[in-house]
Amino acid sequence: MLLQLCESDLEQNWLLYLHQRGLRLPDAAQKYVENCKTRPDFEYTRNGIYAAIYVDGSQHDYPYREQRDQQQTECLEDYGYRVIRFGYQADWDAILRDNMHIFGGDA
């Protein structure tokens, strides 16, 4: 079901990346957060964890987009979310290791 909700190949690759490592998959995908005017790619919302996940492609490299991303991140954080961005050039293993309390398993 989550794969069907993906809006890009990069998002699908991220889900498969988690699955191949036996990590916890998100609870939801593409849910709009009205107060912050943003749609995180994925969300984790169980056991007191509120994490908004973005899987960012190259379009996020532009300054206007970076500024908008930062504003949305700050808004989500004000509502108690931990915002985690997996950029297309980022070290996904390192991001997972830093957030094992959310993703579980071994990265």
N, C-alpha and C. Protein backbone atom coordinates (compact mmCIF):
# COMPACT_ATOMS: atom_id res chain seq x y z
N MET A 1 0.81 -1.20 0.00
CA MET A 1 0.00 0.00 0.00
C MET A 1 0.86 1.26 0.00
N LEU A 2 1.89 1.32 0.83
CA LEU A 2 2.75 2.50 0.87
C LEU A 2 3.40 2.76 -0.48
N LEU A 3 3.83 1.71 -1.15
CA LEU A 3 4.46 1.89 -2.47
C LEU A 3 3.52 2.58 -3.45
N GLN A 4 2.26 2.26 -3.37
CA GLN A 4 1.27 2.86 -4.28
C GLN A 4 1.07 4.34 -4.01
N LEU A 5 1.36 4.78 -2.79
CA LEU A 5 1.18 6.19 -2.43
C LEU A 5 2.40 7.05 -2.76
N CYS A 6 3.49 6.43 -3.12
CA CYS A 6 4.71 7.17 -3.44
C CYS A 6 4.49 8.06 -4.65
N GLU A 7 5.09 9.23 -4.60
CA GLU A 7 4.97 10.18 -5.71
C GLU A 7 6.23 10.27 -6.55
N SER A 8 7.23 9.45 -6.23
CA SER A 8 8.46 9.46 -7.03
C SER A 8 9.17 8.12 -6.90
N ASP A 9 10.04 7.86 -7.86
CA ASP A 9 10.87 6.66 -7.79
C ASP A 9 11.78 6.70 -6.57
N LEU A 10 12.25 7.89 -6.22
CA LEU A 10 13.13 8.03 -5.06
C LEU A 10 12.41 7.62 -3.78
N GLU A 11 11.17 7.99 -3.64
CA GLU A 11 10.39 7.56 -2.47
C GLU A 11 10.21 6.05 -2.46
N GLN A 12 9.93 5.45 -3.60
CA GLN A 12 9.81 4.00 -3.69
C GLN A 12 11.13 3.33 -3.32
N ASN A 13 12.23 3.88 -3.81
CA ASN A 13 13.55 3.33 -3.49
C ASN A 13 13.83 3.41 -1.99
N TRP A 14 13.40 4.47 -1.35
CA TRP A 14 13.59 4.63 0.08
C TRP A 14 12.83 3.56 0.86
N LEU A 15 11.58 3.33 0.46
CA LEU A 15 10.80 2.28 1.13
C LEU A 15 11.45 0.91 0.96
N LEU A 16 11.89 0.61 -0.24
CA LEU A 16 12.56 -0.67 -0.50
C LEU A 16 13.86 -0.77 0.30
N TYR A 17 14.55 0.32 0.43
CA TYR A 17 15.79 0.39 1.21
C TYR A 17 15.51 -0.01 2.67
N LEU A 18 14.44 0.54 3.24
CA LEU A 18 14.07 0.17 4.61
C LEU A 18 13.69 -1.30 4.69
N HIS A 19 12.86 -1.73 3.76
CA HIS A 19 12.38 -3.11 3.76
C HIS A 19 13.53 -4.11 3.66
N GLN A 20 14.48 -3.85 2.78
CA GLN A 20 15.62 -4.75 2.59
C GLN A 20 16.48 -4.86 3.84
N ARG A 21 16.43 -3.85 4.70
CA ARG A 21 17.23 -3.86 5.92
C ARG A 21 16.42 -4.32 7.14
N GLY A 22 15.17 -4.70 6.91
CA GLY A 22 14.33 -5.18 7.99
C GLY A 22 13.93 -4.09 8.96
N LEU A 23 13.86 -2.85 8.48
CA LEU A 23 13.52 -1.73 9.35
C LEU A 23 12.02 -1.45 9.33
N ARG A 24 11.60 -0.73 10.33
CA ARG A 24 10.18 -0.41 10.48
C ARG A 24 9.74 0.53 9.35
N LEU A 25 8.65 0.18 8.71
CA LEU A 25 8.09 0.99 7.64
C LEU A 25 7.20 2.08 8.23
N PRO A 26 6.98 3.15 7.50
CA PRO A 26 6.15 4.25 8.00
C PRO A 26 4.71 3.81 8.28
N ASP A 27 4.04 4.60 9.08
CA ASP A 27 2.64 4.35 9.40
C ASP A 27 1.70 4.97 8.37
N ALA A 28 2.17 5.99 7.67
CA ALA A 28 1.32 6.69 6.70
C ALA A 28 2.20 7.35 5.64
N ALA A 29 1.55 7.72 4.53
CA ALA A 29 2.25 8.40 3.45
C ALA A 29 1.38 9.50 2.87
N GLN A 30 2.03 10.59 2.50
CA GLN A 30 1.39 11.70 1.78
C GLN A 30 0.21 12.33 2.52
N LYS A 31 0.30 12.42 3.85
CA LYS A 31 -0.76 13.06 4.63
C LYS A 31 -0.47 14.55 4.77
N TYR A 32 -1.41 15.36 4.37
CA TYR A 32 -1.24 16.81 4.40
C TYR A 32 -1.37 17.34 5.82
N VAL A 33 -0.43 18.18 6.22
CA VAL A 33 -0.47 18.84 7.53
C VAL A 33 -0.88 20.28 7.27
N GLU A 34 -2.15 20.54 7.43
CA GLU A 34 -2.74 21.84 7.07
C GLU A 34 -2.05 23.01 7.77
N ASN A 35 -1.82 22.90 9.07
CA ASN A 35 -1.24 24.01 9.82
C ASN A 35 0.13 24.43 9.32
N CYS A 36 0.85 23.51 8.69
CA CYS A 36 2.21 23.80 8.21
C CYS A 36 2.28 23.88 6.69
N LYS A 37 1.16 23.67 6.04
CA LYS A 37 1.10 23.73 4.56
C LYS A 37 2.15 22.83 3.91
N THR A 38 2.19 21.59 4.39
CA THR A 38 3.18 20.65 3.86
C THR A 38 2.61 19.24 3.85
N ARG A 39 3.16 18.42 3.00
CA ARG A 39 2.78 17.02 2.88
C ARG A 39 4.06 16.19 3.01
N PRO A 40 4.40 15.75 4.23
CA PRO A 40 5.56 14.87 4.35
C PRO A 40 5.37 13.62 3.49
N ASP A 41 6.45 13.10 2.98
CA ASP A 41 6.36 11.89 2.17
C ASP A 41 5.86 10.72 3.01
N PHE A 42 6.33 10.65 4.25
CA PHE A 42 5.94 9.56 5.15
C PHE A 42 5.85 10.08 6.57
N GLU A 43 5.11 9.33 7.40
CA GLU A 43 4.99 9.67 8.81
C GLU A 43 5.10 8.42 9.67
N TYR A 44 5.68 8.62 10.83
CA TYR A 44 5.69 7.62 11.90
C TYR A 44 4.92 8.25 13.05
N THR A 45 3.90 7.56 13.54
CA THR A 45 3.04 8.15 14.57
C THR A 45 2.63 7.15 15.65
N ARG A 46 3.46 6.17 15.90
CA ARG A 46 3.12 5.18 16.93
C ARG A 46 4.04 5.31 18.13
N ASN A 47 3.52 4.84 19.27
CA ASN A 47 4.31 4.73 20.51
C ASN A 47 4.96 6.05 20.91
N GLY A 48 4.22 7.13 20.77
CA GLY A 48 4.75 8.43 21.19
C GLY A 48 5.74 9.05 20.23
N ILE A 49 5.94 8.44 19.09
CA ILE A 49 6.88 8.96 18.09
C ILE A 49 6.07 9.70 17.03
N TYR A 50 6.46 10.90 16.76
CA TYR A 50 5.86 11.69 15.69
C TYR A 50 7.00 12.19 14.81
N ALA A 51 7.19 11.51 13.69
CA ALA A 51 8.28 11.85 12.78
C ALA A 51 7.73 12.08 11.38
N ALA A 52 8.15 13.17 10.79
CA ALA A 52 7.80 13.48 9.40
C ALA A 52 9.04 13.21 8.56
N ILE A 53 8.88 12.39 7.54
CA ILE A 53 9.99 11.98 6.70
C ILE A 53 9.83 12.58 5.31
N TYR A 54 10.90 13.21 4.84
CA TYR A 54 10.94 13.71 3.47
C TYR A 54 12.07 13.00 2.74
N VAL A 55 11.78 12.55 1.54
CA VAL A 55 12.79 11.94 0.67
C VAL A 55 12.97 12.93 -0.48
N ASP A 56 14.04 13.72 -0.36
CA ASP A 56 14.22 14.88 -1.22
C ASP A 56 15.09 14.62 -2.43
N GLY A 57 14.56 14.93 -3.59
CA GLY A 57 15.31 14.86 -4.84
C GLY A 57 16.06 16.15 -5.11
N SER A 58 16.64 16.26 -6.28
CA SER A 58 17.50 17.40 -6.62
C SER A 58 16.76 18.72 -6.65
N GLN A 59 15.44 18.71 -6.82
CA GLN A 59 14.69 19.96 -6.84
C GLN A 59 14.77 20.71 -5.51
N HIS A 60 15.19 20.03 -4.45
CA HIS A 60 15.33 20.67 -3.14
C HIS A 60 16.67 21.37 -2.98
N ASP A 61 17.51 21.35 -4.00
CA ASP A 61 18.81 22.00 -3.95
C ASP A 61 18.73 23.51 -4.21
N TYR A 62 17.62 23.98 -4.71
CA TYR A 62 17.49 25.40 -5.06
C TYR A 62 17.19 26.23 -3.82
N PRO A 63 17.79 27.43 -3.71
CA PRO A 63 17.63 28.25 -2.49
C PRO A 63 16.17 28.51 -2.09
N TYR A 64 15.31 28.83 -3.05
CA TYR A 64 13.91 29.11 -2.69
C TYR A 64 13.25 27.87 -2.07
N ARG A 65 13.61 26.70 -2.57
CA ARG A 65 13.04 25.45 -2.04
C ARG A 65 13.63 25.14 -0.68
N GLU A 66 14.91 25.39 -0.50
CA GLU A 66 15.54 25.16 0.80
C GLU A 66 14.90 26.04 1.87
N GLN A 67 14.60 27.29 1.51
CA GLN A 67 13.97 28.20 2.45
C GLN A 67 12.57 27.71 2.83
N ARG A 68 11.80 27.28 1.85
CA ARG A 68 10.46 26.76 2.13
C ARG A 68 10.54 25.49 2.97
N ASP A 69 11.48 24.60 2.65
CA ASP A 69 11.67 23.38 3.44
C ASP A 69 11.98 23.72 4.89
N GLN A 70 12.83 24.72 5.11
CA GLN A 70 13.20 25.11 6.47
C GLN A 70 11.99 25.65 7.24
N GLN A 71 11.17 26.45 6.58
CA GLN A 71 9.96 26.98 7.22
C GLN A 71 9.01 25.86 7.60
N GLN A 72 8.84 24.90 6.71
CA GLN A 72 7.95 23.78 6.99
C GLN A 72 8.51 22.92 8.12
N THR A 73 9.82 22.72 8.13
CA THR A 73 10.46 21.96 9.20
C THR A 73 10.21 22.63 10.55
N GLU A 74 10.43 23.92 10.62
CA GLU A 74 10.24 24.65 11.88
C GLU A 74 8.79 24.56 12.35
N CYS A 75 7.85 24.66 11.42
CA CYS A 75 6.44 24.55 11.78
C CYS A 75 6.13 23.15 12.34
N LEU A 76 6.56 22.12 11.64
CA LEU A 76 6.31 20.76 12.11
C LEU A 76 6.95 20.52 13.48
N GLU A 77 8.15 21.03 13.68
CA GLU A 77 8.81 20.88 14.97
C GLU A 77 8.02 21.58 16.07
N ASP A 78 7.41 22.73 15.75
CA ASP A 78 6.57 23.42 16.73
C ASP A 78 5.36 22.57 17.13
N TYR A 79 4.93 21.68 16.26
CA TYR A 79 3.81 20.77 16.55
C TYR A 79 4.28 19.42 17.11
N GLY A 80 5.55 19.31 17.43
CA GLY A 80 6.05 18.11 18.10
C GLY A 80 6.60 17.03 17.20
N TYR A 81 6.74 17.31 15.92
CA TYR A 81 7.30 16.33 15.00
C TYR A 81 8.82 16.41 14.99
N ARG A 82 9.44 15.27 14.82
CA ARG A 82 10.86 15.22 14.46
C ARG A 82 10.87 15.14 12.94
N VAL A 83 11.58 16.04 12.29
CA VAL A 83 11.64 16.07 10.83
C VAL A 83 12.96 15.47 10.39
N ILE A 84 12.86 14.47 9.51
CA ILE A 84 14.06 13.79 9.02
C ILE A 84 14.02 13.84 7.50
N ARG A 85 15.10 14.34 6.93
CA ARG A 85 15.19 14.46 5.47
C ARG A 85 16.25 13.50 4.94
N PHE A 86 15.85 12.70 3.99
CA PHE A 86 16.73 11.79 3.28
C PHE A 86 16.96 12.38 1.89
N GLY A 87 18.02 13.13 1.73
CA GLY A 87 18.32 13.72 0.44
C GLY A 87 18.86 12.67 -0.52
N TYR A 88 18.72 12.95 -1.79
CA TYR A 88 19.14 12.00 -2.82
C TYR A 88 20.64 11.73 -2.79
N GLN A 89 21.43 12.66 -2.23
CA GLN A 89 22.88 12.46 -2.14
C GLN A 89 23.35 12.17 -0.72
N ALA A 90 22.42 12.07 0.21
CA ALA A 90 22.76 11.89 1.63
C ALA A 90 23.19 10.45 1.91
N ASP A 91 23.86 10.27 3.03
CA ASP A 91 24.24 8.95 3.52
C ASP A 91 23.06 8.39 4.31
N TRP A 92 22.21 7.63 3.63
CA TRP A 92 20.99 7.13 4.28
C TRP A 92 21.30 6.22 5.46
N ASP A 93 22.37 5.45 5.38
CA ASP A 93 22.74 4.59 6.52
C ASP A 93 23.03 5.42 7.76
N ALA A 94 23.74 6.53 7.59
CA ALA A 94 24.07 7.39 8.73
C ALA A 94 22.81 8.01 9.32
N ILE A 95 21.89 8.44 8.48
CA ILE A 95 20.63 9.02 8.97
C ILE A 95 19.85 7.97 9.74
N LEU A 96 19.80 6.75 9.23
CA LEU A 96 19.10 5.68 9.93
C LEU A 96 19.75 5.39 11.29
N ARG A 97 21.08 5.31 11.31
CA ARG A 97 21.79 5.04 12.58
C ARG A 97 21.47 6.11 13.62
N ASP A 98 21.37 7.36 13.18
CA ASP A 98 21.09 8.46 14.11
C ASP A 98 19.65 8.46 14.60
N ASN A 99 18.80 7.66 13.97
CA ASN A 99 17.38 7.67 14.30
C ASN A 99 16.81 6.27 14.50
N MET A 100 17.60 5.39 15.05
CA MET A 100 17.17 4.00 15.25
C MET A 100 15.96 3.88 16.15
N HIS A 101 15.75 4.85 17.05
CA HIS A 101 14.57 4.80 17.93
C HIS A 101 13.28 4.93 17.10
N ILE A 102 13.39 5.43 15.89
CA ILE A 102 12.22 5.55 15.00
C ILE A 102 12.14 4.36 14.05
N PHE A 103 13.26 4.01 13.45
CA PHE A 103 13.25 3.00 12.39
C PHE A 103 13.46 1.57 12.89
N GLY A 104 14.07 1.41 14.06
CA GLY A 104 14.30 0.08 14.62
C GLY A 104 15.25 -0.75 13.78
N GLY A 105 15.58 -1.91 14.25
CA GLY A 105 16.46 -2.81 13.49
C GLY A 105 17.90 -2.35 13.50
N ASP A 106 18.69 -2.94 12.64
CA ASP A 106 20.11 -2.60 12.51
C ASP A 106 20.36 -2.02 11.14
N ALA A 107 20.97 -0.86 11.11
CA ALA A 107 21.30 -0.24 9.81
C ALA A 107 22.73 -0.57 9.44
